[in-house]
Amino acid sequence: MNRPVVRSVERQAIRMRQMMERLNVDASAFVRIRGGEAYAEARARCLQCAGICDCLHWLDGYYGEEDRPDFCPNLQVFAACRKDIHAV
């Protein structure tokens, strides 16, 4: 794999982790869905996403805290795994 592709994948992984943190996703619950298949699908959607600029702006705080990242193709699965939903 060439260096620019590796860097792109690394940046995507960072963005997805940041998005999950900001949305309060329970990562351990998320990776268990369908034996990790949902996580793999989310990674693939993130890699193919055309909304990188919107994602970066949202992560950088250009949107209010109450604004949902409706541009995110993984929003539904992230919302299903929010920590506050799984709290004891």
N, C-alpha and C. Protein backbone atom coordinates (compact mmCIF):
# COMPACT_ATOMS: atom_id res chain seq x y z
N MET A 1 0.86 -1.18 0.00
CA MET A 1 0.00 0.00 0.00
C MET A 1 0.90 1.24 0.00
N ASN A 2 0.57 2.21 -0.84
CA ASN A 2 1.44 3.39 -0.90
C ASN A 2 1.16 4.35 0.25
N ARG A 3 2.13 5.19 0.49
CA ARG A 3 2.11 6.08 1.66
C ARG A 3 0.88 7.01 1.73
N PRO A 4 0.46 7.67 0.62
CA PRO A 4 -0.73 8.53 0.70
C PRO A 4 -2.00 7.76 1.09
N VAL A 5 -2.13 6.54 0.61
CA VAL A 5 -3.31 5.74 0.95
C VAL A 5 -3.29 5.39 2.43
N VAL A 6 -2.12 5.01 2.93
CA VAL A 6 -1.99 4.67 4.35
C VAL A 6 -2.35 5.87 5.21
N ARG A 7 -1.86 7.04 4.84
CA ARG A 7 -2.18 8.25 5.62
C ARG A 7 -3.65 8.57 5.59
N SER A 8 -4.28 8.38 4.44
CA SER A 8 -5.71 8.64 4.32
C SER A 8 -6.50 7.71 5.24
N VAL A 9 -6.14 6.44 5.27
CA VAL A 9 -6.82 5.47 6.13
C VAL A 9 -6.59 5.82 7.59
N GLU A 10 -5.38 6.22 7.94
CA GLU A 10 -5.09 6.62 9.32
C GLU A 10 -5.93 7.82 9.74
N ARG A 11 -6.03 8.82 8.86
CA ARG A 11 -6.84 10.01 9.18
C ARG A 11 -8.31 9.65 9.33
N GLN A 12 -8.78 8.75 8.47
CA GLN A 12 -10.17 8.31 8.56
C GLN A 12 -10.42 7.63 9.89
N ALA A 13 -9.50 6.79 10.32
CA ALA A 13 -9.66 6.08 11.60
C ALA A 13 -9.73 7.08 12.76
N ILE A 14 -8.93 8.10 12.69
CA ILE A 14 -8.93 9.13 13.73
C ILE A 14 -10.27 9.87 13.74
N ARG A 15 -10.75 10.24 12.54
CA ARG A 15 -12.04 10.94 12.46
C ARG A 15 -13.17 10.09 13.02
N MET A 16 -13.17 8.80 12.68
CA MET A 16 -14.25 7.94 13.17
C MET A 16 -14.18 7.82 14.69
N ARG A 17 -13.00 7.68 15.25
CA ARG A 17 -12.85 7.61 16.71
C ARG A 17 -13.32 8.91 17.36
N GLN A 18 -12.95 10.06 16.77
CA GLN A 18 -13.37 11.35 17.31
C GLN A 18 -14.88 11.50 17.24
N MET A 19 -15.47 11.07 16.14
CA MET A 19 -16.93 11.15 15.99
C MET A 19 -17.60 10.29 17.05
N MET A 20 -17.07 9.09 17.26
CA MET A 20 -17.64 8.20 18.27
C MET A 20 -17.52 8.81 19.67
N GLU A 21 -16.40 9.42 19.97
CA GLU A 21 -16.22 10.06 21.28
C GLU A 21 -17.19 11.22 21.45
N ARG A 22 -17.30 12.05 20.44
CA ARG A 22 -18.17 13.23 20.54
C ARG A 22 -19.65 12.83 20.66
N LEU A 23 -20.01 11.72 20.03
CA LEU A 23 -21.39 11.25 20.09
C LEU A 23 -21.64 10.32 21.28
N ASN A 24 -20.62 10.15 22.13
CA ASN A 24 -20.74 9.34 23.34
C ASN A 24 -21.10 7.89 23.04
N VAL A 25 -20.42 7.32 22.03
CA VAL A 25 -20.68 5.95 21.62
C VAL A 25 -19.97 4.99 22.57
N ASP A 26 -20.66 3.96 22.98
CA ASP A 26 -20.08 2.89 23.78
C ASP A 26 -19.35 1.96 22.81
N ALA A 27 -18.04 2.15 22.69
CA ALA A 27 -17.25 1.41 21.70
C ALA A 27 -17.31 -0.09 21.92
N SER A 28 -17.31 -0.52 23.17
CA SER A 28 -17.34 -1.96 23.43
C SER A 28 -18.67 -2.58 22.99
N ALA A 29 -19.76 -1.85 23.16
CA ALA A 29 -21.06 -2.34 22.67
C ALA A 29 -21.10 -2.33 21.15
N PHE A 30 -20.53 -1.29 20.57
CA PHE A 30 -20.53 -1.14 19.12
C PHE A 30 -19.77 -2.27 18.44
N VAL A 31 -18.59 -2.62 18.92
CA VAL A 31 -17.80 -3.66 18.25
C VAL A 31 -18.39 -5.06 18.43
N ARG A 32 -19.32 -5.23 19.37
CA ARG A 32 -19.96 -6.54 19.56
C ARG A 32 -21.16 -6.76 18.65
N ILE A 33 -21.68 -5.72 18.04
CA ILE A 33 -22.86 -5.87 17.18
C ILE A 33 -22.52 -6.78 16.01
N ARG A 34 -23.30 -7.84 15.88
CA ARG A 34 -23.13 -8.83 14.81
C ARG A 34 -21.68 -9.32 14.73
N GLY A 35 -21.07 -9.54 15.88
CA GLY A 35 -19.72 -10.09 15.92
C GLY A 35 -18.67 -9.20 15.28
N GLY A 36 -18.87 -7.89 15.33
CA GLY A 36 -17.90 -6.95 14.78
C GLY A 36 -18.21 -6.52 13.35
N GLU A 37 -19.19 -7.14 12.75
CA GLU A 37 -19.52 -6.83 11.36
C GLU A 37 -20.03 -5.39 11.19
N ALA A 38 -20.81 -4.92 12.15
CA ALA A 38 -21.33 -3.55 12.08
C ALA A 38 -20.18 -2.54 12.12
N TYR A 39 -19.17 -2.83 12.95
CA TYR A 39 -18.00 -1.95 13.04
C TYR A 39 -17.24 -1.94 11.71
N ALA A 40 -17.04 -3.10 11.13
CA ALA A 40 -16.34 -3.19 9.85
C ALA A 40 -17.10 -2.43 8.76
N GLU A 41 -18.43 -2.55 8.76
CA GLU A 41 -19.25 -1.83 7.79
C GLU A 41 -19.16 -0.32 7.99
N ALA A 42 -19.16 0.10 9.25
CA ALA A 42 -19.05 1.53 9.55
C ALA A 42 -17.71 2.07 9.08
N ARG A 43 -16.64 1.32 9.29
CA ARG A 43 -15.31 1.73 8.83
C ARG A 43 -15.30 1.89 7.31
N ALA A 44 -15.91 0.94 6.62
CA ALA A 44 -15.96 1.01 5.15
C ALA A 44 -16.76 2.23 4.69
N ARG A 45 -17.91 2.49 5.35
CA ARG A 45 -18.71 3.67 4.99
C ARG A 45 -17.91 4.94 5.23
N CYS A 46 -17.18 4.99 6.32
CA CYS A 46 -16.38 6.17 6.65
C CYS A 46 -15.29 6.38 5.59
N LEU A 47 -14.64 5.31 5.18
CA LEU A 47 -13.59 5.41 4.16
C LEU A 47 -14.12 5.93 2.83
N GLN A 48 -15.35 5.57 2.51
CA GLN A 48 -15.94 5.95 1.23
C GLN A 48 -16.75 7.24 1.29
N CYS A 49 -16.84 7.83 2.46
CA CYS A 49 -17.70 8.99 2.67
C CYS A 49 -17.20 10.21 1.91
N ALA A 50 -18.13 10.92 1.30
CA ALA A 50 -17.80 12.14 0.58
C ALA A 50 -17.96 13.38 1.46
N GLY A 51 -18.37 13.19 2.71
CA GLY A 51 -18.64 14.32 3.60
C GLY A 51 -17.47 14.68 4.51
N ILE A 52 -16.25 14.50 4.06
CA ILE A 52 -15.08 14.76 4.90
C ILE A 52 -15.06 16.20 5.41
N CYS A 53 -15.34 17.15 4.56
CA CYS A 53 -15.31 18.56 4.98
C CYS A 53 -16.35 18.83 6.07
N ASP A 54 -17.57 18.33 5.87
CA ASP A 54 -18.61 18.49 6.89
C ASP A 54 -18.20 17.82 8.19
N CYS A 55 -17.61 16.65 8.08
CA CYS A 55 -17.17 15.90 9.26
C CYS A 55 -16.12 16.70 10.03
N LEU A 56 -15.12 17.19 9.33
CA LEU A 56 -14.06 17.94 9.99
C LEU A 56 -14.60 19.22 10.64
N HIS A 57 -15.50 19.92 9.94
CA HIS A 57 -16.10 21.13 10.52
C HIS A 57 -16.90 20.80 11.78
N TRP A 58 -17.67 19.71 11.72
CA TRP A 58 -18.47 19.33 12.88
C TRP A 58 -17.56 18.95 14.05
N LEU A 59 -16.53 18.17 13.77
CA LEU A 59 -15.60 17.76 14.82
C LEU A 59 -14.83 18.94 15.40
N ASP A 60 -14.57 19.95 14.58
CA ASP A 60 -13.85 21.13 15.04
C ASP A 60 -14.75 22.11 15.79
N GLY A 61 -16.04 21.79 15.90
CA GLY A 61 -16.94 22.62 16.69
C GLY A 61 -17.60 23.76 15.95
N TYR A 62 -17.61 23.70 14.62
CA TYR A 62 -18.28 24.76 13.86
C TYR A 62 -19.79 24.63 13.91
N TYR A 63 -20.27 23.53 14.44
CA TYR A 63 -21.69 23.33 14.65
C TYR A 63 -21.93 23.34 16.15
N GLY A 64 -23.12 23.68 16.55
CA GLY A 64 -23.43 23.70 17.97
C GLY A 64 -23.49 22.31 18.56
N GLU A 65 -23.35 22.21 19.87
CA GLU A 65 -23.38 20.91 20.55
C GLU A 65 -24.70 20.18 20.32
N GLU A 66 -25.78 20.93 20.14
CA GLU A 66 -27.08 20.30 19.95
C GLU A 66 -27.30 19.83 18.51
N ASP A 67 -26.45 20.26 17.59
CA ASP A 67 -26.58 19.86 16.19
C ASP A 67 -26.12 18.42 15.98
N ARG A 68 -26.95 17.65 15.30
CA ARG A 68 -26.59 16.28 14.97
C ARG A 68 -25.83 16.26 13.65
N PRO A 69 -24.87 15.38 13.51
CA PRO A 69 -24.14 15.29 12.24
C PRO A 69 -24.94 14.46 11.22
N ASP A 70 -26.04 15.04 10.72
CA ASP A 70 -26.92 14.31 9.81
C ASP A 70 -26.22 13.89 8.52
N PHE A 71 -25.08 14.48 8.23
CA PHE A 71 -24.31 14.12 7.04
C PHE A 71 -23.60 12.78 7.20
N CYS A 72 -23.48 12.29 8.44
CA CYS A 72 -22.69 11.09 8.74
C CYS A 72 -23.46 9.83 8.37
N PRO A 73 -22.90 8.99 7.48
CA PRO A 73 -23.60 7.76 7.10
C PRO A 73 -23.65 6.73 8.24
N ASN A 74 -22.91 6.95 9.30
CA ASN A 74 -22.90 6.03 10.44
C ASN A 74 -23.71 6.55 11.63
N LEU A 75 -24.39 7.65 11.47
CA LEU A 75 -25.10 8.27 12.59
C LEU A 75 -26.09 7.32 13.25
N GLN A 76 -26.82 6.56 12.47
CA GLN A 76 -27.84 5.67 13.04
C GLN A 76 -27.21 4.60 13.93
N VAL A 77 -26.16 3.96 13.48
CA VAL A 77 -25.53 2.92 14.29
C VAL A 77 -24.82 3.52 15.49
N PHE A 78 -24.23 4.70 15.33
CA PHE A 78 -23.60 5.37 16.47
C PHE A 78 -24.65 5.73 17.52
N ALA A 79 -25.79 6.24 17.08
CA ALA A 79 -26.85 6.64 18.01
C ALA A 79 -27.39 5.43 18.78
N ALA A 80 -27.42 4.28 18.14
CA ALA A 80 -27.92 3.06 18.78
C ALA A 80 -26.97 2.56 19.87
N CYS A 81 -25.73 3.04 19.86
CA CYS A 81 -24.73 2.57 20.81
C CYS A 81 -24.27 3.66 21.77
N ARG A 82 -25.09 4.67 21.98
CA ARG A 82 -24.71 5.74 22.90
C ARG A 82 -24.59 5.21 24.32
N LYS A 83 -23.60 5.70 25.05
CA LYS A 83 -23.35 5.25 26.42
C LYS A 83 -24.53 5.52 27.34
N ASP A 84 -25.21 6.64 27.16
CA ASP A 84 -26.33 6.96 28.05
C ASP A 84 -27.49 6.00 27.88
N ILE A 85 -27.59 5.33 26.75
CA ILE A 85 -28.64 4.34 26.51
C ILE A 85 -28.31 3.05 27.27
N HIS A 86 -27.01 2.73 27.34
CA HIS A 86 -26.58 1.48 27.96
C HIS A 86 -26.18 1.63 29.42
N ALA A 87 -26.45 2.78 29.99
CA ALA A 87 -26.06 3.01 31.39
C ALA A 87 -26.86 2.11 32.34
N VAL A 88 -26.22 1.70 33.39
CA VAL A 88 -26.88 0.83 34.37
C VAL A 88 -27.59 1.65 35.41
